[in-house]
Amino acid sequence: MASTNISTVNGFISQNLIKSELDGGSITKLVIAVLLPLSSVYVNCIMLYSLQSKRVLKESPRYILFAHMLFNDSVNLILTSLMYVLALAFLKLAKAVCSLILFISTTTFLNAPLNLAVMSLERYVAICFPLRHAEIATQKRTYIAICFVWLFGSANILTDIIFAAVMDPNFFYMQMYCSREQIFIKPWQLDLYNGCNIFYFVSVTVIIIFTYISIMITARSMSSNKDSAKKAHRTVLLHLIQLGLCLTSFVYGSIERALYLMAGSDNVVFKTMRYVNFLFVLILPRCLSPLIYGLRDDAVRPLFKYYFCYGSTKAGH
């Protein structure tokens, strides 16, 4: 079993180090793969600026969490694109530099579903405990929740980096192809990584479904302010959809391993499907999630349109 796990890890490492010849088609694919996330980051930055332009949005726990989601996804998209370019160019980096890139990219990758869970809990408190919402969901507690999101999101990758550094004192001075799997020394690390991913997603799914059902029950029983309850109900449902988009990112590695085992690394079909998998499973969901959430919000949408069009329309100030 141990040898099987090791070969699986080595196979997955090998398939992440496929060197492609840069012809016209490869350059076009590269441009698309880089411009798509960068365009999304540009949109996210406009939304972040919009949130900062109004004090009521800047101080609201709901929009603080949304701003954190925008920042987190933007960082993740930038680093994912950087790692894609490095892999395509077949470049090695110092392990110290690569470890930092992997630490931030992996943490922001796991932060996304955890942040959705916190956003759903905030809506749950707002609807189910409206009189205590201002007391429970304060700015300070919101920032503390964000700190815990980063703590839980970074725990696994930080453990792997520390373990690698302890096992090999020269770890940070060596060079490596910048891939998450390159810091796996023992087979159990991959199992732990997959196990943590499953645990995070199951936990977040349970939280979001719980808040969704609770808000739905509360909305039906309320005699007043039903519009607010229905909006919160739709918001948590949207979080569930966003979670589904995040889930596609988590199955990216499994899909790529399956393609590798079926087609092999030198097959043109595999390289094409690998690119499609990267673009539509890993990148596109992260681009769509903040955009869908932001544009449906009545407070954010007019400000976003105003700043996106460089002030050519009137903002709803």
C-alpha atoms as a PDB file:
ATOM      1  CA  MET A   1       0.000   0.000   0.000  1.00  0.00           C
ATOM      2  CA  ALA A   2       2.812   2.409   0.851  1.00  0.00           C
ATOM      3  CA  SER A   3       4.531   1.826  -2.496  1.00  0.00           C
ATOM      4  CA  THR A   4       1.228   2.369  -4.297  1.00  0.00           C
ATOM      5  CA  ASN A   5       0.735   5.668  -2.520  1.00  0.00           C
ATOM      6  CA  ILE A   6       4.291   6.749  -3.322  1.00  0.00           C
ATOM      7  CA  SER A   7       3.869   5.927  -7.006  1.00  0.00           C
ATOM      8  CA  THR A   8       0.592   7.831  -7.042  1.00  0.00           C
ATOM      9  CA  VAL A   9       2.297  10.876  -5.555  1.00  0.00           C
ATOM     10  CA  ASN A  10       5.234  10.601  -7.957  1.00  0.00           C
ATOM     11  CA  GLY A  11       2.875  10.201 -10.904  1.00  0.00           C
ATOM     12  CA  PHE A  12       0.967  13.278  -9.875  1.00  0.00           C
ATOM     13  CA  ILE A  13       4.207  15.223  -9.510  1.00  0.00           C
ATOM     14  CA  SER A  14       5.336  14.119 -12.960  1.00  0.00           C
ATOM     15  CA  GLN A  15       2.114  15.163 -14.624  1.00  0.00           C
ATOM     16  CA  ASN A  16       2.471  18.664 -13.181  1.00  0.00           C
ATOM     17  CA  LEU A  17       5.858  19.046 -14.882  1.00  0.00           C
ATOM     18  CA  ILE A  18       4.876  18.598 -18.511  1.00  0.00           C
ATOM     19  CA  LYS A  19       6.851  20.874 -20.764  1.00  0.00           C
ATOM     20  CA  SER A  20       4.921  22.184 -23.741  1.00  0.00           C
ATOM     21  CA  GLU A  21       6.394  23.607 -26.893  1.00  0.00           C
ATOM     22  CA  LEU A  22       5.356  27.212 -27.342  1.00  0.00           C
ATOM     23  CA  ASP A  23       3.674  27.290 -30.729  1.00  0.00           C
ATOM     24  CA  GLY A  24       0.879  29.654 -31.781  1.00  0.00           C
ATOM     25  CA  GLY A  25      -1.835  27.573 -30.114  1.00  0.00           C
ATOM     26  CA  SER A  26       0.075  27.288 -26.847  1.00  0.00           C
ATOM     27  CA  ILE A  27       0.677  31.039 -26.717  1.00  0.00           C
ATOM     28  CA  THR A  28      -3.040  31.697 -27.313  1.00  0.00           C
ATOM     29  CA  LYS A  29      -3.948  29.303 -24.498  1.00  0.00           C
ATOM     30  CA  LEU A  30      -1.427  30.981 -22.224  1.00  0.00           C
ATOM     31  CA  VAL A  31      -2.797  34.451 -22.964  1.00  0.00           C
ATOM     32  CA  ILE A  32      -6.371  33.299 -22.236  1.00  0.00           C
ATOM     33  CA  ALA A  33      -5.314  31.496 -19.057  1.00  0.00           C
ATOM     34  CA  VAL A  34      -3.573  34.640 -17.775  1.00  0.00           C
ATOM     35  CA  LEU A  35      -5.970  37.351 -18.995  1.00  0.00           C
ATOM     36  CA  LEU A  36      -9.108  35.647 -17.631  1.00  0.00           C
ATOM     37  CA  PRO A  37      -8.008  35.663 -13.974  1.00  0.00           C
ATOM     38  CA  LEU A  38      -6.402  39.092 -14.301  1.00  0.00           C
ATOM     39  CA  SER A  39      -9.670  40.478 -15.696  1.00  0.00           C
ATOM     40  CA  SER A  40     -11.498  38.971 -12.745  1.00  0.00           C
ATOM     41  CA  VAL A  41      -8.980  40.510 -10.344  1.00  0.00           C
ATOM     42  CA  TYR A  42      -9.588  43.901 -11.997  1.00  0.00           C
ATOM     43  CA  VAL A  43     -13.350  43.522 -11.454  1.00  0.00           C
ATOM     44  CA  ASN A  44     -12.765  42.445  -7.853  1.00  0.00           C
ATOM     45  CA  CYS A  45     -10.596  45.511  -7.232  1.00  0.00           C
ATOM     46  CA  ILE A  46     -13.383  47.772  -8.518  1.00  0.00           C
ATOM     47  CA  MET A  47     -15.825  46.077  -6.155  1.00  0.00           C
ATOM     48  CA  LEU A  48     -13.373  46.466  -3.274  1.00  0.00           C
ATOM     49  CA  TYR A  49     -12.998  50.162  -4.067  1.00  0.00           C
ATOM     50  CA  SER A  50     -16.782  50.469  -4.227  1.00  0.00           C
ATOM     51  CA  LEU A  51     -17.142  48.888  -0.781  1.00  0.00           C
ATOM     52  CA  GLN A  52     -14.540  51.262   0.631  1.00  0.00           C
ATOM     53  CA  SER A  53     -16.261  54.325  -0.867  1.00  0.00           C
ATOM     54  CA  LYS A  54     -19.197  54.161   1.528  1.00  0.00           C
ATOM     55  CA  ARG A  55     -18.696  54.153   5.264  1.00  0.00           C
ATOM     56  CA  VAL A  56     -21.843  52.113   5.939  1.00  0.00           C
ATOM     57  CA  LEU A  57     -20.520  49.332   3.688  1.00  0.00           C
ATOM     58  CA  LYS A  58     -16.986  49.577   5.040  1.00  0.00           C
ATOM     59  CA  GLU A  59     -18.218  49.087   8.615  1.00  0.00           C
ATOM     60  CA  SER A  60     -20.922  46.470   8.015  1.00  0.00           C
ATOM     61  CA  PRO A  61     -19.895  42.893   9.014  1.00  0.00           C
ATOM     62  CA  ARG A  62     -21.654  41.498   5.946  1.00  0.00           C
ATOM     63  CA  TYR A  63     -19.658  43.666   3.537  1.00  0.00           C
ATOM     64  CA  ILE A  64     -16.426  43.258   5.503  1.00  0.00           C
ATOM     65  CA  LEU A  65     -16.745  39.519   4.849  1.00  0.00           C
ATOM     66  CA  PHE A  66     -17.590  40.167   1.205  1.00  0.00           C
ATOM     67  CA  ALA A  67     -14.531  42.429   0.869  1.00  0.00           C
ATOM     68  CA  HIS A  68     -12.425  39.677   2.403  1.00  0.00           C
ATOM     69  CA  MET A  69     -13.823  37.210  -0.142  1.00  0.00           C
ATOM     70  CA  LEU A  70     -12.887  39.557  -2.994  1.00  0.00           C
ATOM     71  CA  PHE A  71      -9.366  40.066  -1.643  1.00  0.00           C
ATOM     72  CA  ASN A  72      -8.860  36.365  -0.929  1.00  0.00           C
ATOM     73  CA  ASP A  73     -10.046  35.204  -4.362  1.00  0.00           C
ATOM     74  CA  SER A  74      -7.992  37.879  -6.117  1.00  0.00           C
ATOM     75  CA  VAL A  75      -4.787  36.767  -4.389  1.00  0.00           C
ATOM     76  CA  ASN A  76      -5.589  33.134  -5.187  1.00  0.00           C
ATOM     77  CA  LEU A  77      -6.210  33.876  -8.870  1.00  0.00           C
ATOM     78  CA  ILE A  78      -2.958  35.839  -9.207  1.00  0.00           C
ATOM     79  CA  LEU A  79      -0.873  33.093  -7.616  1.00  0.00           C
ATOM     80  CA  THR A  80      -2.648  30.327  -9.534  1.00  0.00           C
ATOM     81  CA  SER A  81      -1.846  32.126 -12.795  1.00  0.00           C
ATOM     82  CA  LEU A  82       1.757  32.645 -11.680  1.00  0.00           C
ATOM     83  CA  MET A  83       2.174  28.946 -10.885  1.00  0.00           C
ATOM     84  CA  TYR A  84       0.629  28.033 -14.241  1.00  0.00           C
ATOM     85  CA  VAL A  85       3.146  30.216 -16.090  1.00  0.00           C
ATOM     86  CA  LEU A  86       6.037  28.787 -14.044  1.00  0.00           C
ATOM     87  CA  ALA A  87       4.917  25.227 -14.831  1.00  0.00           C
ATOM     88  CA  LEU A  88       4.547  26.034 -18.523  1.00  0.00           C
ATOM     89  CA  ALA A  89       7.988  27.620 -18.619  1.00  0.00           C
ATOM     90  CA  PHE A  90       9.406  24.639 -16.725  1.00  0.00           C
ATOM     91  CA  LEU A  91      11.186  26.949 -14.281  1.00  0.00           C
ATOM     92  CA  LYS A  92      12.573  26.051 -10.891  1.00  0.00           C
ATOM     93  CA  LEU A  93      12.407  28.341  -7.873  1.00  0.00           C
ATOM     94  CA  ALA A  94      14.212  28.368  -4.558  1.00  0.00           C
ATOM     95  CA  LYS A  95      12.153  26.285  -2.152  1.00  0.00           C
ATOM     96  CA  ALA A  96      11.931  29.218   0.255  1.00  0.00           C
ATOM     97  CA  VAL A  97      10.244  31.345  -2.435  1.00  0.00           C
ATOM     98  CA  CYS A  98       8.075  28.495  -3.675  1.00  0.00           C
ATOM     99  CA  SER A  99       7.028  27.591  -0.126  1.00  0.00           C
ATOM    100  CA  LEU A 100       5.824  31.152   0.407  1.00  0.00           C
ATOM    101  CA  ILE A 101       3.841  31.065  -2.863  1.00  0.00           C
ATOM    102  CA  LEU A 102       2.356  27.669  -1.987  1.00  0.00           C
ATOM    103  CA  PHE A 103       1.534  28.788   1.549  1.00  0.00           C
ATOM    104  CA  ILE A 104      -0.461  31.814   0.373  1.00  0.00           C
ATOM    105  CA  SER A 105      -2.098  30.093  -2.624  1.00  0.00           C
ATOM    106  CA  THR A 106      -3.172  27.018  -0.634  1.00  0.00           C
ATOM    107  CA  THR A 107      -4.407  29.111   2.278  1.00  0.00           C
ATOM    108  CA  THR A 108      -6.477  31.396   0.064  1.00  0.00           C
ATOM    109  CA  PHE A 109      -7.793  28.318  -1.748  1.00  0.00           C
ATOM    110  CA  LEU A 110      -9.130  26.866   1.515  1.00  0.00           C
ATOM    111  CA  ASN A 111     -10.228  30.242   2.866  1.00  0.00           C
ATOM    112  CA  ALA A 112     -12.952  30.563   0.213  1.00  0.00           C
ATOM    113  CA  PRO A 113     -15.394  27.922   1.569  1.00  0.00           C
ATOM    114  CA  LEU A 114     -14.602  28.848   5.176  1.00  0.00           C
ATOM    115  CA  ASN A 115     -15.436  32.493   4.455  1.00  0.00           C
ATOM    116  CA  LEU A 116     -18.733  31.416   2.877  1.00  0.00           C
ATOM    117  CA  ALA A 117     -19.601  29.580   6.094  1.00  0.00           C
ATOM    118  CA  VAL A 118     -18.962  32.720   8.165  1.00  0.00           C
ATOM    119  CA  MET A 119     -21.036  34.837   5.739  1.00  0.00           C
ATOM    120  CA  SER A 120     -23.936  32.385   6.037  1.00  0.00           C
ATOM    121  CA  LEU A 121     -23.720  32.435   9.839  1.00  0.00           C
ATOM    122  CA  GLU A 122     -23.828  36.241   9.775  1.00  0.00           C
ATOM    123  CA  ARG A 123     -27.061  36.142   7.730  1.00  0.00           C
ATOM    124  CA  TYR A 124     -28.431  33.469  10.093  1.00  0.00           C
ATOM    125  CA  VAL A 125     -27.866  35.732  13.120  1.00  0.00           C
ATOM    126  CA  ALA A 126     -29.334  38.750  11.279  1.00  0.00           C
ATOM    127  CA  ILE A 127     -32.626  36.961  10.528  1.00  0.00           C
ATOM    128  CA  CYS A 128     -33.052  34.478  13.368  1.00  0.00           C
ATOM    129  CA  PHE A 129     -31.737  36.788  16.110  1.00  0.00           C
ATOM    130  CA  PRO A 130     -32.390  40.307  14.758  1.00  0.00           C
ATOM    131  CA  LEU A 131     -32.406  41.988  18.185  1.00  0.00           C
ATOM    132  CA  ARG A 132     -28.981  40.564  19.027  1.00  0.00           C
ATOM    133  CA  HIS A 133     -27.410  40.915  15.592  1.00  0.00           C
ATOM    134  CA  ALA A 134     -25.708  44.235  16.351  1.00  0.00           C
ATOM    135  CA  GLU A 135     -24.361  42.776  19.579  1.00  0.00           C
ATOM    136  CA  ILE A 136     -23.134  39.473  18.116  1.00  0.00           C
ATOM    137  CA  ALA A 137     -21.933  40.534  14.640  1.00  0.00           C
ATOM    138  CA  THR A 138     -19.645  43.412  15.555  1.00  0.00           C
ATOM    139  CA  GLN A 139     -16.719  44.673  13.490  1.00  0.00           C
ATOM    140  CA  LYS A 140     -14.241  43.320  16.022  1.00  0.00           C
ATOM    141  CA  ARG A 141     -15.785  39.835  16.023  1.00  0.00           C
ATOM    142  CA  THR A 142     -15.940  39.861  12.241  1.00  0.00           C
ATOM    143  CA  TYR A 143     -12.202  40.516  12.014  1.00  0.00           C
ATOM    144  CA  ILE A 144     -11.575  37.825  14.638  1.00  0.00           C
ATOM    145  CA  ALA A 145     -13.629  35.392  12.511  1.00  0.00           C
ATOM    146  CA  ILE A 146     -11.498  36.299   9.479  1.00  0.00           C
ATOM    147  CA  CYS A 147      -8.351  35.592  11.518  1.00  0.00           C
ATOM    148  CA  PHE A 148      -9.725  32.135  12.381  1.00  0.00           C
ATOM    149  CA  VAL A 149     -10.498  31.552   8.704  1.00  0.00           C
ATOM    150  CA  TRP A 150      -6.833  32.202   7.880  1.00  0.00           C
ATOM    151  CA  LEU A 151      -5.705  30.062  10.827  1.00  0.00           C
ATOM    152  CA  PHE A 152      -7.724  27.025   9.742  1.00  0.00           C
ATOM    153  CA  GLY A 153      -6.966  27.596   6.063  1.00  0.00           C
ATOM    154  CA  SER A 154      -3.204  27.669   6.639  1.00  0.00           C
ATOM    155  CA  ALA A 155      -2.879  24.874   9.219  1.00  0.00           C
ATOM    156  CA  ASN A 156      -2.319  21.978   6.807  1.00  0.00           C
ATOM    157  CA  ILE A 157       0.103  23.625   4.367  1.00  0.00           C
ATOM    158  CA  LEU A 158       2.064  25.195   7.239  1.00  0.00           C
ATOM    159  CA  THR A 159       2.414  21.750   8.831  1.00  0.00           C
ATOM    160  CA  ASP A 160       3.731  20.328   5.545  1.00  0.00           C
ATOM    161  CA  ILE A 161       6.285  23.115   5.109  1.00  0.00           C
ATOM    162  CA  ILE A 162       7.533  22.831   8.704  1.00  0.00           C
ATOM    163  CA  PHE A 163       7.709  19.035   8.420  1.00  0.00           C
ATOM    164  CA  ALA A 164       9.704  19.293   5.178  1.00  0.00           C
ATOM    165  CA  ALA A 165      12.079  21.843   6.724  1.00  0.00           C
ATOM    166  CA  VAL A 166      12.632  19.654   9.819  1.00  0.00           C
ATOM    167  CA  MET A 167      13.236  16.500   7.761  1.00  0.00           C
ATOM    168  CA  ASP A 168      15.675  18.291   5.439  1.00  0.00           C
ATOM    169  CA  PRO A 169      17.704  21.172   6.969  1.00  0.00           C
ATOM    170  CA  ASN A 170      18.684  22.308   3.453  1.00  0.00           C
ATOM    171  CA  PHE A 171      15.057  22.388   2.296  1.00  0.00           C
ATOM    172  CA  PHE A 172      14.805  26.169   1.887  1.00  0.00           C
ATOM    173  CA  TYR A 173      18.110  26.417  -0.002  1.00  0.00           C
ATOM    174  CA  MET A 174      17.262  23.873  -2.692  1.00  0.00           C
ATOM    175  CA  GLN A 175      15.376  24.502  -5.927  1.00  0.00           C
ATOM    176  CA  MET A 176      12.090  22.916  -6.964  1.00  0.00           C
ATOM    177  CA  TYR A 177       9.324  23.007  -9.523  1.00  0.00           C
ATOM    178  CA  CYS A 178       6.654  25.009  -7.751  1.00  0.00           C
ATOM    179  CA  SER A 179       3.908  22.458  -7.158  1.00  0.00           C
ATOM    180  CA  ARG A 180       1.948  21.647  -4.006  1.00  0.00           C
ATOM    181  CA  GLU A 181       2.887  17.981  -4.331  1.00  0.00           C
ATOM    182  CA  GLN A 182       6.620  18.775  -4.406  1.00  0.00           C
ATOM    183  CA  ILE A 183       6.697  19.333  -0.655  1.00  0.00           C
ATOM    184  CA  PHE A 184       5.081  15.958   0.063  1.00  0.00           C
ATOM    185  CA  ILE A 185       7.822  13.820   1.600  1.00  0.00           C
ATOM    186  CA  LYS A 186       5.688  11.020   3.060  1.00  0.00           C
ATOM    187  CA  PRO A 187       2.676   9.328   1.404  1.00  0.00           C
ATOM    188  CA  TRP A 188       0.464  10.130   4.396  1.00  0.00           C
ATOM    189  CA  GLN A 189       0.792  13.847   3.667  1.00  0.00           C
ATOM    190  CA  LEU A 190      -1.293  13.505   0.505  1.00  0.00           C
ATOM    191  CA  ASP A 191      -3.890  11.500   2.440  1.00  0.00           C
ATOM    192  CA  LEU A 192      -3.944  14.166   5.156  1.00  0.00           C
ATOM    193  CA  TYR A 193      -4.286  16.911   2.551  1.00  0.00           C
ATOM    194  CA  ASN A 194      -7.242  15.190   0.872  1.00  0.00           C
ATOM    195  CA  GLY A 195      -8.770  14.369   4.254  1.00  0.00           C
ATOM    196  CA  CYS A 196      -8.590  18.012   5.375  1.00  0.00           C
ATOM    197  CA  ASN A 197     -10.217  19.142   2.120  1.00  0.00           C
ATOM    198  CA  ILE A 198     -13.093  16.698   2.635  1.00  0.00           C
ATOM    199  CA  PHE A 199     -13.483  17.751   6.271  1.00  0.00           C
ATOM    200  CA  TYR A 200     -13.568  21.451   5.377  1.00  0.00           C
ATOM    201  CA  PHE A 201     -16.154  20.958   2.685  1.00  0.00           C
ATOM    202  CA  VAL A 202     -18.409  18.682   4.705  1.00  0.00           C
ATOM    203  CA  SER A 203     -18.280  21.117   7.644  1.00  0.00           C
ATOM    204  CA  VAL A 204     -19.007  24.153   5.469  1.00  0.00           C
ATOM    205  CA  THR A 205     -21.815  22.333   3.642  1.00  0.00           C
ATOM    206  CA  VAL A 206     -23.459  21.388   6.952  1.00  0.00           C
ATOM    207  CA  ILE A 207     -23.200  24.984   8.213  1.00  0.00           C
ATOM    208  CA  ILE A 208     -24.653  26.513   5.042  1.00  0.00           C
ATOM    209  CA  ILE A 209     -27.490  23.972   4.796  1.00  0.00           C
ATOM    210  CA  PHE A 210     -28.291  24.518   8.497  1.00  0.00           C
ATOM    211  CA  THR A 211     -28.426  28.296   8.085  1.00  0.00           C
ATOM    212  CA  TYR A 212     -30.463  27.941   4.872  1.00  0.00           C
ATOM    213  CA  ILE A 213     -33.112  25.762   6.530  1.00  0.00           C
ATOM    214  CA  SER A 214     -33.194  27.919   9.677  1.00  0.00           C
ATOM    215  CA  ILE A 215     -33.673  31.125   7.694  1.00  0.00           C
ATOM    216  CA  MET A 216     -36.334  29.476   5.527  1.00  0.00           C
ATOM    217  CA  ILE A 217     -38.277  28.371   8.617  1.00  0.00           C
ATOM    218  CA  THR A 218     -37.925  31.819  10.179  1.00  0.00           C
ATOM    219  CA  ALA A 219     -39.037  33.535   6.973  1.00  0.00           C
ATOM    220  CA  ARG A 220     -42.251  31.492   6.894  1.00  0.00           C
ATOM    221  CA  SER A 221     -43.074  32.190  10.525  1.00  0.00           C
ATOM    222  CA  MET A 222     -42.406  35.933  10.437  1.00  0.00           C
ATOM    223  CA  SER A 223     -45.436  38.189  10.230  1.00  0.00           C
ATOM    224  CA  SER A 224     -43.361  41.274   9.456  1.00  0.00           C
ATOM    225  CA  ASN A 225     -40.146  42.051   7.596  1.00  0.00           C
ATOM    226  CA  LYS A 226     -40.674  39.073   5.315  1.00  0.00           C
ATOM    227  CA  ASP A 227     -38.860  40.803   2.457  1.00  0.00           C
ATOM    228  CA  SER A 228     -35.654  40.961   4.486  1.00  0.00           C
ATOM    229  CA  ALA A 229     -35.981  37.297   5.441  1.00  0.00           C
ATOM    230  CA  LYS A 230     -36.550  36.285   1.820  1.00  0.00           C
ATOM    231  CA  LYS A 231     -33.484  38.258   0.714  1.00  0.00           C
ATOM    232  CA  ALA A 232     -31.388  36.522   3.380  1.00  0.00           C
ATOM    233  CA  HIS A 233     -32.848  33.202   2.262  1.00  0.00           C
ATOM    234  CA  ARG A 234     -31.775  33.874  -1.333  1.00  0.00           C
ATOM    235  CA  THR A 235     -28.355  35.070  -0.145  1.00  0.00           C
ATOM    236  CA  VAL A 236     -27.633  31.840   1.735  1.00  0.00           C
ATOM    237  CA  LEU A 237     -28.894  29.865  -1.269  1.00  0.00           C
ATOM    238  CA  LEU A 238     -26.374  31.802  -3.348  1.00  0.00           C
ATOM    239  CA  HIS A 239     -23.675  30.843  -0.829  1.00  0.00           C
ATOM    240  CA  LEU A 240     -24.631  27.221  -1.426  1.00  0.00           C
ATOM    241  CA  ILE A 241     -24.195  27.768  -5.179  1.00  0.00           C
ATOM    242  CA  GLN A 242     -20.845  29.464  -4.519  1.00  0.00           C
ATOM    243  CA  LEU A 243     -19.845  26.476  -2.426  1.00  0.00           C
ATOM    244  CA  GLY A 244     -20.649  24.278  -5.415  1.00  0.00           C
ATOM    245  CA  LEU A 245     -18.345  26.441  -7.531  1.00  0.00           C
ATOM    246  CA  CYS A 246     -15.609  26.044  -4.912  1.00  0.00           C
ATOM    247  CA  LEU A 247     -16.204  22.299  -4.925  1.00  0.00           C
ATOM    248  CA  THR A 248     -15.292  22.134  -8.612  1.00  0.00           C
ATOM    249  CA  SER A 249     -11.881  23.541  -7.697  1.00  0.00           C
ATOM    250  CA  PHE A 250     -11.377  20.796  -5.135  1.00  0.00           C
ATOM    251  CA  VAL A 251     -11.984  18.026  -7.682  1.00  0.00           C
ATOM    252  CA  TYR A 252      -9.494  19.601 -10.115  1.00  0.00           C
ATOM    253  CA  GLY A 253      -6.632  17.394  -8.935  1.00  0.00           C
ATOM    254  CA  SER A 254      -8.745  14.229  -9.040  1.00  0.00           C
ATOM    255  CA  ILE A 255      -9.861  14.979 -12.604  1.00  0.00           C
ATOM    256  CA  GLU A 256      -6.284  15.658 -13.688  1.00  0.00           C
ATOM    257  CA  ARG A 257      -5.020  12.435 -12.110  1.00  0.00           C
ATOM    258  CA  ALA A 258      -7.779  10.484 -13.877  1.00  0.00           C
ATOM    259  CA  LEU A 259      -6.868  12.088 -17.215  1.00  0.00           C
ATOM    260  CA  TYR A 260      -3.203  11.288 -16.630  1.00  0.00           C
ATOM    261  CA  LEU A 261      -3.901   7.628 -15.855  1.00  0.00           C
ATOM    262  CA  MET A 262      -6.181   7.247 -18.874  1.00  0.00           C
ATOM    263  CA  ALA A 263      -4.218   9.129 -21.541  1.00  0.00           C
ATOM    264  CA  GLY A 264      -0.632   9.477 -20.341  1.00  0.00           C
ATOM    265  CA  SER A 265       1.439  12.655 -20.262  1.00  0.00           C
ATOM    266  CA  ASP A 266       2.509  12.721 -23.915  1.00  0.00           C
ATOM    267  CA  ASN A 267      -0.948  12.450 -25.405  1.00  0.00           C
ATOM    268  CA  VAL A 268      -2.173  15.599 -27.213  1.00  0.00           C
ATOM    269  CA  VAL A 269      -5.716  14.861 -26.022  1.00  0.00           C
ATOM    270  CA  PHE A 270      -4.509  14.783 -22.416  1.00  0.00           C
ATOM    271  CA  LYS A 271      -2.722  18.128 -22.751  1.00  0.00           C
ATOM    272  CA  THR A 272      -5.847  19.698 -24.248  1.00  0.00           C
ATOM    273  CA  MET A 273      -8.134  18.244 -21.573  1.00  0.00           C
ATOM    274  CA  ARG A 274      -5.653  19.310 -18.898  1.00  0.00           C
ATOM    275  CA  TYR A 275      -5.871  22.877 -20.141  1.00  0.00           C
ATOM    276  CA  VAL A 276      -9.684  22.746 -20.286  1.00  0.00           C
ATOM    277  CA  ASN A 277      -9.718  21.318 -16.749  1.00  0.00           C
ATOM    278  CA  PHE A 278      -7.462  24.128 -15.513  1.00  0.00           C
ATOM    279  CA  LEU A 279      -9.521  26.858 -17.177  1.00  0.00           C
ATOM    280  CA  PHE A 280     -13.083  25.697 -16.520  1.00  0.00           C
ATOM    281  CA  VAL A 281     -12.690  23.803 -13.251  1.00  0.00           C
ATOM    282  CA  LEU A 282     -10.002  25.756 -11.399  1.00  0.00           C
ATOM    283  CA  ILE A 283     -10.101  29.328 -12.737  1.00  0.00           C
ATOM    284  CA  LEU A 284     -13.587  30.122 -14.057  1.00  0.00           C
ATOM    285  CA  PRO A 285     -15.551  29.264 -10.862  1.00  0.00           C
ATOM    286  CA  ARG A 286     -13.303  31.590  -8.847  1.00  0.00           C
ATOM    287  CA  CYS A 287     -13.902  34.337 -11.402  1.00  0.00           C
ATOM    288  CA  LEU A 288     -17.678  33.953 -11.372  1.00  0.00           C
ATOM    289  CA  SER A 289     -18.374  33.559  -7.652  1.00  0.00           C
ATOM    290  CA  PRO A 290     -17.603  37.134  -6.427  1.00  0.00           C
ATOM    291  CA  LEU A 291     -19.102  38.649  -9.587  1.00  0.00           C
ATOM    292  CA  ILE A 292     -22.440  36.854  -9.171  1.00  0.00           C
ATOM    293  CA  TYR A 293     -22.649  37.749  -5.490  1.00  0.00           C
ATOM    294  CA  GLY A 294     -21.649  41.383  -5.943  1.00  0.00           C
ATOM    295  CA  LEU A 295     -23.891  42.222  -8.908  1.00  0.00           C
ATOM    296  CA  ARG A 296     -27.042  40.892  -7.232  1.00  0.00           C
ATOM    297  CA  ASP A 297     -26.519  43.097  -4.158  1.00  0.00           C
ATOM    298  CA  ASP A 298     -28.623  46.264  -4.326  1.00  0.00           C
ATOM    299  CA  ALA A 299     -26.071  48.285  -2.351  1.00  0.00           C
ATOM    300  CA  VAL A 300     -22.992  47.196  -4.305  1.00  0.00           C
ATOM    301  CA  ARG A 301     -24.386  47.033  -7.863  1.00  0.00           C
ATOM    302  CA  PRO A 302     -24.952  50.792  -8.513  1.00  0.00           C
ATOM    303  CA  LEU A 303     -21.564  51.688  -7.024  1.00  0.00           C
ATOM    304  CA  PHE A 304     -19.842  49.012  -9.071  1.00  0.00           C
ATOM    305  CA  LYS A 305     -21.505  50.219 -12.281  1.00  0.00           C
ATOM    306  CA  TYR A 306     -20.477  53.776 -11.487  1.00  0.00           C
ATOM    307  CA  TYR A 307     -16.794  53.004 -10.907  1.00  0.00           C
ATOM    308  CA  PHE A 308     -16.630  50.378 -13.660  1.00  0.00           C
ATOM    309  CA  CYS A 309     -17.849  52.920 -16.191  1.00  0.00           C
ATOM    310  CA  TYR A 310     -15.446  55.573 -14.768  1.00  0.00           C
ATOM    311  CA  GLY A 311     -18.318  57.711 -13.482  1.00  0.00           C
ATOM    312  CA  SER A 312     -20.315  57.798 -16.714  1.00  0.00           C
ATOM    313  CA  THR A 313     -23.464  56.832 -14.819  1.00  0.00           C
ATOM    314  CA  LYS A 314     -24.816  58.133 -11.554  1.00  0.00           C
ATOM    315  CA  ALA A 315     -24.131  56.170  -8.448  1.00  0.00           C
ATOM    316  CA  GLY A 316     -26.817  55.569  -5.931  1.00  0.00           C
ATOM    317  CA  HIS A 317     -25.299  57.721  -3.215  1.00  0.00           C
END
